[in-house]
Amino acid sequence: MAQLMPHLGERGRIAEEIIKNVLGRTLPKRFSIGTGVVISAHGEASRQTDIVIYDNFYNSPLLSEFGSGLFPAEIVFATIEVKSVLTKDELQSSMDAIMQMRKVGSQKKYIVPATVFEPGKPARTVMTKQTETTPPRNYIVAFSQQGLGPTYPHFCDKLRKCLDDGNSHVHGVCILKENWFAGRRAFKVPAELFGREGNGLLNLYSHILKAQQNFVVHAMDLDAYMPKEWSSD
């Protein structure tokens, strides 16, 4: 359906809805799926983001109206840029958006329970403020690609070069038509990729789930988003 649609904007919208529906049906219920802008308490904002995978158990979006949301960085697990056709220019545009997203997610404010021990008194739990600096995971999904290589090894070579040239932190790229997924190994410079040809969507899904195993989300500190005179401190 996406490929038959002549208008590229509409084609991209269809691609986005298909991916959202797939993830919404298959991800565990602690993950919710939305579209919109991610913001931070320190004044940064992302571009309009195609897919936001967020926590709707401990937290919720600040705004969710007319098919778009306003998501505090504290509640975001991952984002996905969706393209109908991924070209080198579209890849660069997505990497620029992801670098902005990393700025947004660099200072997340949480309220976290902590146990206090005092001599002669029973242990008690208090709520403490904590800053977390790990940004959300970021992915790119496209229905097809153009100019990024006729084979999976060629694609990985070009992707690796683009990641190094832009010093980007894309966690994974999936090309559905070719059934490719390539993920980037953490903390490796120059970039090191992993993945395989075949089962591209399944590998993307698996990587999203595995990436959250060491990614903790707490209740966000709402006071951090309030004017100082409104704060409960």
Protein backbone atom coordinates (compact mmCIF):
# COMPACT_ATOMS: atom_id res chain seq x y z
CA MET A 1 0.00 0.00 0.00
CA ALA A 2 2.80 2.44 0.91
CA GLN A 3 4.62 1.78 -2.36
CA LEU A 4 1.46 2.31 -4.44
CA MET A 5 0.80 5.73 -2.89
CA PRO A 6 2.27 8.34 -5.32
CA HIS A 7 2.67 11.16 -2.80
CA LEU A 8 5.81 10.65 -0.71
CA GLY A 9 4.37 12.41 2.34
CA GLU A 10 1.33 10.14 2.38
CA ARG A 11 3.55 7.13 1.72
CA GLY A 12 5.64 8.01 4.76
CA ARG A 13 2.51 8.44 6.89
CA ILE A 14 1.24 4.99 5.88
CA ALA A 15 4.65 3.49 6.66
CA GLU A 16 4.59 5.16 10.08
CA GLU A 17 1.11 3.83 10.91
CA ILE A 18 2.03 0.28 9.85
CA ILE A 19 5.11 0.25 12.10
CA LYS A 20 3.16 1.77 15.01
CA ASN A 21 0.44 -0.87 14.67
CA VAL A 22 2.97 -3.72 14.55
CA LEU A 23 4.83 -2.47 17.64
CA GLY A 24 1.59 -1.66 19.48
CA ARG A 25 0.39 -5.25 19.05
CA THR A 26 3.66 -6.95 19.94
CA LEU A 27 5.52 -4.90 22.57
CA PRO A 28 4.80 -5.66 26.25
CA LYS A 29 2.01 -3.53 27.71
CA ARG A 30 4.40 -1.42 29.82
CA PHE A 31 5.42 0.21 26.52
CA SER A 32 3.05 2.68 24.82
CA ILE A 33 3.35 4.08 21.29
CA GLY A 34 2.86 7.71 20.30
CA THR A 35 3.89 10.50 17.93
CA GLY A 36 5.04 13.98 18.83
CA VAL A 37 7.76 16.10 20.42
CA VAL A 38 10.08 15.10 23.27
CA ILE A 39 11.00 17.88 25.70
CA SER A 40 13.28 18.25 28.71
CA ALA A 41 13.20 20.19 31.97
CA HIS A 42 16.39 22.01 30.90
CA GLY A 43 14.68 23.64 27.91
CA GLU A 44 15.57 21.36 24.97
CA ALA A 45 13.02 20.02 22.47
CA SER A 46 13.25 17.40 19.74
CA ARG A 47 11.90 17.68 16.24
CA GLN A 48 8.53 16.12 15.50
CA THR A 49 9.22 12.42 16.11
CA ASP A 50 7.47 9.72 14.08
CA ILE A 51 7.30 7.04 16.80
CA VAL A 52 7.87 7.50 20.52
CA ILE A 53 8.00 4.37 22.69
CA TYR A 54 7.26 5.56 26.21
CA ASP A 55 6.33 4.53 29.74
CA ASN A 56 2.61 4.89 30.45
CA PHE A 57 2.71 2.94 33.72
CA TYR A 58 4.57 5.23 36.14
CA ASN A 59 4.14 8.32 33.95
CA SER A 60 2.12 9.83 31.13
CA PRO A 61 2.59 12.43 28.36
CA LEU A 62 2.13 16.07 29.34
CA LEU A 63 -0.18 16.46 26.34
CA SER A 64 -1.85 13.95 24.04
CA GLU A 65 -4.30 15.54 21.64
CA PHE A 66 -5.15 15.38 17.91
CA GLY A 67 -2.89 12.40 17.28
CA SER A 68 0.25 14.06 18.67
CA GLY A 69 1.85 14.20 22.10
CA LEU A 70 4.26 16.17 24.26
CA PHE A 71 6.58 13.67 25.95
CA PRO A 72 8.97 14.47 28.81
CA ALA A 73 12.35 12.88 28.13
CA GLU A 74 12.06 11.04 31.46
CA ILE A 75 9.31 8.76 30.14
CA VAL A 76 10.80 7.90 26.71
CA PHE A 77 12.40 4.49 26.16
CA ALA A 78 13.13 4.85 22.45
CA THR A 79 12.28 6.77 19.28
CA ILE A 80 11.98 5.66 15.67
CA GLU A 81 12.40 7.78 12.55
CA VAL A 82 10.25 6.25 9.77
CA LYS A 83 11.10 6.70 6.07
CA SER A 84 9.35 5.34 3.01
CA VAL A 85 12.64 5.38 1.04
CA LEU A 86 15.94 5.81 2.89
CA THR A 87 18.54 7.72 0.89
CA LYS A 88 21.84 9.16 2.05
CA ASP A 89 20.21 12.58 2.47
CA GLU A 90 17.28 11.11 4.43
CA LEU A 91 19.73 9.15 6.57
CA GLN A 92 21.63 12.37 7.36
CA SER A 93 18.37 14.17 8.22
CA SER A 94 17.41 11.36 10.59
CA MET A 95 20.85 11.36 12.22
CA ASP A 96 20.59 15.13 12.78
CA ALA A 97 17.20 14.63 14.47
CA ILE A 98 18.64 11.85 16.63
CA MET A 99 21.58 14.01 17.74
CA GLN A 100 19.07 16.66 18.85
CA MET A 101 17.13 13.95 20.68
CA ARG A 102 20.29 13.00 22.59
CA LYS A 103 20.59 16.59 23.84
CA VAL A 104 16.98 16.46 25.02
CA GLY A 105 17.57 13.22 26.93
CA SER A 106 20.89 14.16 28.54
CA GLN A 107 19.45 15.34 31.90
CA LYS A 108 16.37 13.44 33.05
CA LYS A 109 14.86 14.28 36.44
CA TYR A 110 13.30 11.49 38.53
CA ILE A 111 11.83 10.92 41.96
CA VAL A 112 13.35 7.69 43.28
CA PRO A 113 12.68 5.79 46.55
CA ALA A 114 15.66 5.37 48.87
CA THR A 115 16.02 3.55 52.19
CA VAL A 116 17.34 5.54 55.18
CA PHE A 117 19.01 3.79 58.11
CA GLU A 118 19.40 5.64 61.45
CA PRO A 119 20.86 4.20 64.64
CA GLY A 120 18.18 2.90 66.95
CA LYS A 121 15.36 3.49 64.47
CA PRO A 122 13.62 1.23 61.95
CA ALA A 123 14.59 1.70 58.33
CA ARG A 124 12.35 4.08 56.42
CA THR A 125 11.79 4.95 52.78
CA VAL A 126 12.12 8.50 51.50
CA MET A 127 11.71 9.93 48.02
CA THR A 128 14.86 11.50 46.59
CA LYS A 129 15.58 13.48 43.42
CA GLN A 130 17.90 11.88 40.90
CA THR A 131 19.32 12.94 37.53
CA GLU A 132 19.89 10.32 34.84
CA THR A 133 22.00 11.10 31.76
CA THR A 134 21.32 8.10 29.50
CA PRO A 135 19.35 9.31 26.43
CA PRO A 136 16.59 7.22 24.82
CA ARG A 137 17.51 4.60 22.21
CA ASN A 138 17.08 5.80 18.63
CA TYR A 139 16.25 3.80 15.50
CA ILE A 140 15.52 4.36 11.82
CA VAL A 141 13.04 2.17 9.90
CA ALA A 142 12.47 2.42 6.14
CA PHE A 143 10.37 0.41 3.72
CA SER A 144 13.14 0.52 1.14
CA GLN A 145 16.47 2.19 0.44
CA GLN A 146 18.08 3.87 -2.53
CA GLY A 147 21.78 4.40 -3.11
CA LEU A 148 22.94 2.69 0.09
CA GLY A 149 24.18 -0.51 -1.50
CA PRO A 150 22.87 -3.46 -3.55
CA THR A 151 23.74 -6.02 -0.86
CA TYR A 152 23.68 -6.18 2.93
CA PRO A 153 27.52 -5.92 3.26
CA HIS A 154 27.53 -2.85 0.97
CA PHE A 155 24.71 -1.32 3.01
CA CYS A 156 26.62 -1.88 6.27
CA ASP A 157 29.77 -0.32 4.80
CA LYS A 158 27.91 2.83 3.72
CA LEU A 159 25.99 3.03 7.00
CA ARG A 160 29.19 2.68 9.01
CA LYS A 161 30.83 5.50 7.05
CA CYS A 162 27.80 7.79 7.53
CA LEU A 163 27.78 7.09 11.27
CA ASP A 164 31.48 7.87 11.57
CA ASP A 165 31.27 11.02 9.44
CA GLY A 166 28.40 12.39 11.51
CA ASN A 167 29.59 11.01 14.87
CA SER A 168 26.03 9.75 15.23
CA HIS A 169 24.57 7.46 17.87
CA VAL A 170 21.90 5.62 15.88
CA HIS A 171 21.22 2.34 17.67
CA GLY A 172 19.81 0.48 14.68
CA VAL A 173 18.58 0.78 11.08
CA CYS A 174 15.96 -1.56 9.55
CA ILE A 175 15.14 -1.80 5.82
CA LEU A 176 11.91 -3.78 5.48
CA LYS A 177 11.86 -4.49 1.74
CA GLU A 178 15.37 -5.95 1.79
CA ASN A 179 14.76 -7.55 5.22
CA TRP A 180 17.92 -5.99 6.71
CA PHE A 181 18.74 -4.86 10.22
CA ALA A 182 22.05 -3.35 11.33
CA GLY A 183 22.65 -2.31 14.94
CA ARG A 184 25.55 -0.31 16.32
CA ARG A 185 27.65 -1.66 19.18
CA ALA A 186 27.78 0.70 22.13
CA PHE A 187 30.87 2.84 22.85
CA LYS A 188 32.74 1.70 19.71
CA VAL A 189 34.55 4.39 17.70
CA PRO A 190 34.89 3.97 14.77
CA ALA A 191 31.44 2.43 14.48
CA GLU A 192 31.04 -1.33 14.74
CA LEU A 193 27.83 -2.88 13.42
CA PHE A 194 26.08 -6.14 14.15
CA GLY A 195 23.08 -7.86 12.56
CA ARG A 196 22.29 -10.07 9.63
CA GLU A 197 20.38 -10.30 6.39
CA GLY A 198 16.90 -11.68 6.97
CA ASN A 199 14.24 -11.18 9.66
CA GLY A 200 14.84 -7.42 9.71
CA LEU A 201 11.69 -6.48 11.65
CA LEU A 202 12.17 -9.34 14.13
CA ASN A 203 15.76 -8.23 14.78
CA LEU A 204 14.62 -4.63 15.31
CA TYR A 205 11.95 -5.81 17.77
CA SER A 206 14.48 -7.99 19.61
CA HIS A 207 16.99 -5.15 19.87
CA ILE A 208 14.37 -2.73 21.24
CA LEU A 209 13.45 -5.21 23.98
CA LYS A 210 17.03 -6.13 24.88
CA ALA A 211 18.08 -2.48 24.97
CA GLN A 212 15.53 -1.78 27.71
CA GLN A 213 16.89 -4.42 30.10
CA ASN A 214 19.40 -1.94 31.54
CA PHE A 215 17.27 1.15 30.98
CA VAL A 216 15.32 2.08 34.11
CA VAL A 217 12.40 4.52 34.12
CA HIS A 218 11.15 5.98 37.42
CA ALA A 219 8.39 8.44 38.23
CA MET A 220 9.39 11.76 36.68
CA ASP A 221 10.02 14.86 38.79
CA LEU A 222 7.10 17.05 37.72
CA ASP A 223 8.45 19.97 39.78
CA ALA A 224 11.38 20.19 37.35
CA TYR A 225 8.91 21.26 34.62
CA MET A 226 7.08 23.79 36.79
CA PRO A 227 7.93 27.49 37.24
CA LYS A 228 10.12 27.88 40.33
CA GLU A 229 7.38 29.71 42.23
CA TRP A 230 5.06 26.71 41.71
CA SER A 231 7.58 24.11 42.90
CA SER A 232 6.75 22.12 46.03
CA ASP A 233 10.39 22.47 47.24
